[in-house]
Amino acid sequence: MIRLATGLLLAAFAGVSWCAPFQNGSFELGTPNPCNTFNIPVNDTRITGWTVSVGNIDWESGPPCGWEPSNGNNSLDLVGTGGIGGIEQTFDTTPGVTYRVSFDMAGNYGRPPVIKPLAVTINGVTTNFTFDTTGRGQFNMGWTTKTLTFVADSNSSTINFVSDVTPAGGTLDAGATLDNVRITPVTTVPLDWAQWAAAVLLALAGLLLLQRKKAAALR
């Protein structure tokens, strides 16, 4: 009986899908140049876990090459050239679970516009943010943590960060800057049928083992 319960337990766990952790939120992993990587084109995947989704972006190193990041050694300027750029990542989620997205935002102070826009889209729903670069500089970026939440509706979700400064005119090359992206569940992960079955079978196997030990002790 114990062997049967163990076999059923393994079969139940085989049907369980575990969420993978969100990758490389501080843009530390990949193949950067020693000192800044400019104009990374659309569809490029050199930043581990991420794909350039529109336009092109700059992968900024810390001082002395670039500005001070909010976390680690690297950050992004979401506009390389052409006035627009973006980056996205698809990651595992559990349907019905609420997730919190936190990220640090500032702006490239070296070019207009002064107010940098950032659109964050998750599964087709967009939230807009802005950052004022007035008085900011290489060692005074003014990184500000922004947050939003979403409810997953499938086994995977896609987050997309886009900065579009083209409404300010011309082909501007300084957008919102991004660092330290974190995505964490804020509600209890609901158990699916396989997880419930696994829990029940595990308890059953433990009970049968206990009964067997008691019977052996009475002999």
Protein backbone atom coordinates (compact mmCIF):
# COMPACT_ATOMS: atom_id res chain seq x y z
CA MET A 1 0.00 0.00 0.00
CA ILE A 2 2.85 2.37 0.85
CA ARG A 3 4.47 1.66 -2.49
CA LEU A 4 1.18 2.40 -4.24
CA ALA A 5 0.79 5.71 -2.38
CA THR A 6 4.37 6.64 -3.21
CA GLY A 7 3.81 5.91 -6.89
CA LEU A 8 0.66 8.00 -6.96
CA LEU A 9 2.48 10.77 -5.13
CA LEU A 10 5.24 10.88 -7.77
CA ALA A 11 2.66 10.86 -10.54
CA ALA A 12 0.84 13.78 -8.96
CA PHE A 13 4.02 15.81 -8.61
CA ALA A 14 4.83 15.13 -12.25
CA GLY A 15 1.78 17.21 -13.17
CA VAL A 16 2.76 20.18 -10.99
CA SER A 17 4.12 23.27 -12.76
CA TRP A 18 6.50 25.32 -10.62
CA CYS A 19 7.06 29.04 -11.26
CA ALA A 20 10.51 30.08 -12.46
CA PRO A 21 12.10 33.13 -10.83
CA PHE A 22 12.15 36.44 -12.67
CA GLN A 23 15.54 36.91 -14.33
CA ASN A 24 18.20 39.60 -14.30
CA GLY A 25 16.20 42.55 -13.03
CA SER A 26 19.32 44.66 -12.53
CA PHE A 27 20.75 43.90 -16.00
CA GLU A 28 23.95 42.46 -14.58
CA LEU A 29 24.01 39.33 -16.76
CA GLY A 30 24.81 39.16 -20.46
CA THR A 31 27.59 40.34 -22.76
CA PRO A 32 28.13 44.08 -22.31
CA ASN A 33 31.07 46.11 -23.53
CA PRO A 34 33.54 47.03 -20.76
CA CYS A 35 32.23 50.61 -20.79
CA ASN A 36 28.64 51.12 -22.00
CA THR A 37 26.87 49.38 -24.89
CA PHE A 38 24.97 51.80 -27.13
CA ASN A 39 22.12 51.40 -29.60
CA ILE A 40 21.26 47.76 -28.93
CA PRO A 41 18.75 47.00 -31.72
CA VAL A 42 15.24 45.59 -31.71
CA ASN A 43 14.98 41.81 -31.15
CA ASP A 44 18.46 41.70 -29.56
CA THR A 45 18.76 39.24 -26.63
CA ARG A 46 22.29 39.91 -25.35
CA ILE A 47 20.93 41.06 -21.96
CA THR A 48 20.12 37.75 -20.27
CA GLY A 49 16.36 37.14 -20.02
CA TRP A 50 15.41 40.27 -21.94
CA THR A 51 14.59 41.15 -25.56
CA VAL A 52 14.70 44.64 -27.05
CA SER A 53 11.06 45.10 -28.05
CA VAL A 54 11.07 48.36 -30.02
CA GLY A 55 13.61 50.90 -31.29
CA ASN A 56 16.97 50.54 -29.58
CA ILE A 57 18.38 51.00 -26.09
CA ASP A 58 21.64 51.80 -24.25
CA TRP A 59 23.11 49.42 -21.65
CA GLU A 60 24.85 51.77 -19.25
CA SER A 61 27.81 50.87 -17.06
CA GLY A 62 28.43 52.65 -13.77
CA PRO A 63 31.01 55.43 -13.20
CA PRO A 64 33.40 56.41 -14.66
CA CYS A 65 31.76 55.25 -17.90
CA GLY A 66 28.16 56.16 -17.19
CA TRP A 67 25.90 57.30 -14.40
CA GLU A 68 25.46 55.69 -11.02
CA PRO A 69 22.98 52.77 -11.15
CA SER A 70 20.45 52.18 -8.42
CA ASN A 71 21.57 48.58 -7.88
CA GLY A 72 24.59 46.59 -9.01
CA ASN A 73 26.80 47.85 -11.83
CA ASN A 74 24.45 48.43 -14.78
CA SER A 75 21.23 50.16 -15.78
CA LEU A 76 19.39 51.00 -19.00
CA ASP A 77 18.63 54.12 -20.97
CA LEU A 78 15.50 52.98 -22.77
CA VAL A 79 16.16 55.33 -25.70
CA GLY A 80 19.28 54.78 -27.75
CA THR A 81 18.66 56.76 -30.93
CA GLY A 82 15.48 57.51 -32.81
CA GLY A 83 13.39 58.67 -29.88
CA ILE A 84 11.92 55.35 -28.74
CA GLY A 85 13.13 52.12 -27.19
CA GLY A 86 11.89 49.29 -25.04
CA ILE A 87 12.70 45.95 -23.47
CA GLU A 88 10.55 42.99 -22.48
CA GLN A 89 10.68 39.67 -20.66
CA THR A 90 8.27 36.72 -20.50
CA PHE A 91 8.24 34.78 -17.23
CA ASP A 92 6.25 32.02 -15.53
CA THR A 93 3.21 32.96 -13.46
CA THR A 94 0.39 31.13 -11.73
CA PRO A 95 -3.15 32.00 -12.88
CA GLY A 96 -5.14 33.85 -10.23
CA VAL A 97 -2.12 35.04 -8.25
CA THR A 98 -1.50 38.76 -7.72
CA TYR A 99 2.06 39.92 -8.38
CA ARG A 100 3.81 43.14 -7.38
CA VAL A 101 6.17 44.76 -9.86
CA SER A 102 8.76 47.13 -8.38
CA PHE A 103 11.42 48.96 -10.36
CA ASP A 104 13.72 51.95 -10.04
CA MET A 105 13.23 54.78 -12.52
CA ALA A 106 15.21 57.91 -13.33
CA GLY A 107 16.10 59.66 -16.60
CA ASN A 108 18.95 60.50 -18.93
CA TYR A 109 19.66 64.10 -17.90
CA GLY A 110 21.95 64.82 -20.88
CA ARG A 111 19.32 65.53 -23.55
CA PRO A 112 15.71 66.78 -23.72
CA PRO A 113 12.96 66.35 -22.88
CA VAL A 114 13.28 67.14 -19.17
CA ILE A 115 10.26 64.96 -18.32
CA LYS A 116 10.94 61.36 -19.29
CA PRO A 117 7.98 59.07 -20.03
CA LEU A 118 7.82 55.36 -19.29
CA ALA A 119 5.02 52.97 -20.27
CA VAL A 120 4.91 49.62 -18.48
CA THR A 121 2.72 47.02 -20.16
CA ILE A 122 1.88 43.65 -18.60
CA ASN A 123 -0.28 41.23 -20.55
CA GLY A 124 -1.67 44.07 -22.65
CA VAL A 125 -2.46 46.47 -19.76
CA THR A 126 -0.36 49.68 -19.74
CA THR A 127 0.53 51.92 -16.78
CA ASN A 128 2.28 55.24 -17.46
CA PHE A 129 4.99 56.89 -15.34
CA THR A 130 7.13 60.03 -15.68
CA PHE A 131 10.38 61.30 -14.18
CA ASP A 132 11.62 64.90 -13.94
CA THR A 133 15.38 65.15 -14.63
CA THR A 134 15.71 68.75 -13.43
CA GLY A 135 18.93 69.09 -11.38
CA ARG A 136 20.00 65.48 -11.94
CA GLY A 137 23.47 64.28 -12.91
CA GLN A 138 25.88 61.37 -13.03
CA PHE A 139 26.10 60.96 -9.26
CA ASN A 140 22.66 62.38 -8.50
CA MET A 141 20.27 60.36 -10.64
CA GLY A 142 17.40 60.55 -8.18
CA TRP A 143 16.36 56.94 -8.65
CA THR A 144 12.75 56.48 -7.53
CA THR A 145 11.03 53.17 -6.86
CA LYS A 146 7.76 52.67 -8.73
CA THR A 147 5.28 49.86 -8.13
CA LEU A 148 2.21 48.31 -9.70
CA THR A 149 0.33 45.04 -9.36
CA PHE A 150 -1.30 42.62 -11.76
CA VAL A 151 -3.25 39.38 -11.56
CA ALA A 152 -1.86 36.59 -13.72
CA ASP A 153 -4.36 35.00 -16.07
CA SER A 154 -2.13 32.28 -17.54
CA ASN A 155 1.02 30.25 -16.89
CA SER A 156 3.22 33.01 -18.32
CA SER A 157 3.17 36.80 -18.40
CA THR A 158 5.10 39.39 -20.40
CA ILE A 159 6.32 42.73 -19.06
CA ASN A 160 7.38 45.47 -21.47
CA PHE A 161 9.09 48.77 -20.58
CA VAL A 162 8.96 51.46 -23.30
CA SER A 163 10.15 55.08 -23.28
CA ASP A 164 8.91 57.21 -26.19
CA VAL A 165 10.24 60.77 -26.35
CA THR A 166 9.33 61.38 -30.01
CA PRO A 167 6.42 63.71 -29.07
CA ALA A 168 9.09 66.16 -27.83
CA GLY A 169 10.27 66.50 -31.44
CA GLY A 170 13.16 65.26 -33.53
CA THR A 171 15.08 62.03 -33.05
CA LEU A 172 15.99 62.47 -29.41
CA ASP A 173 18.37 59.98 -27.77
CA ALA A 174 17.75 60.27 -24.01
CA GLY A 175 14.85 58.50 -22.36
CA ALA A 176 13.73 57.05 -19.07
CA THR A 177 16.34 54.98 -17.25
CA LEU A 178 15.56 51.65 -15.63
CA ASP A 179 17.15 49.43 -12.97
CA ASN A 180 16.39 46.92 -10.21
CA VAL A 181 13.19 45.33 -11.57
CA ARG A 182 11.57 42.90 -9.09
CA ILE A 183 8.46 40.76 -9.52
CA THR A 184 7.07 38.92 -6.49
CA PRO A 185 3.76 37.22 -5.63
CA VAL A 186 1.69 39.03 -3.00
CA THR A 187 -1.08 36.46 -2.59
CA THR A 188 -0.91 32.82 -1.60
CA VAL A 189 -0.32 30.58 -4.56
CA PRO A 190 -3.47 28.46 -4.97
CA LEU A 191 -2.91 24.71 -5.07
CA ASP A 192 -4.02 23.01 -8.26
CA TRP A 193 -5.52 19.51 -8.32
CA ALA A 194 -2.13 17.83 -8.66
CA GLN A 195 -0.71 19.65 -5.64
CA TRP A 196 -3.79 18.81 -3.56
CA ALA A 197 -3.50 15.16 -4.63
CA ALA A 198 0.19 15.15 -3.76
CA ALA A 199 -0.50 16.58 -0.29
CA VAL A 200 -3.26 14.03 0.42
CA LEU A 201 -1.17 11.10 -0.80
CA LEU A 202 1.83 12.26 1.22
CA ALA A 203 -0.31 12.38 4.35
CA LEU A 204 -1.73 8.94 3.54
CA ALA A 205 1.72 7.44 3.06
CA GLY A 206 2.85 8.89 6.38
CA LEU A 207 -0.21 7.48 8.17
CA LEU A 208 0.30 4.02 6.71
CA LEU A 209 3.96 4.06 7.69
CA LEU A 210 3.06 5.05 11.25
CA GLN A 211 0.50 2.24 11.51
CA ARG A 212 3.02 -0.25 10.21
CA LYS A 213 5.58 0.80 12.84
CA LYS A 214 2.97 0.50 15.62
CA ALA A 215 1.99 -2.99 14.44
CA ALA A 216 5.63 -4.07 14.36
CA ALA A 217 6.16 -2.75 17.90
CA LEU A 218 3.25 -4.86 19.24
CA ARG A 219 4.66 -8.11 17.89
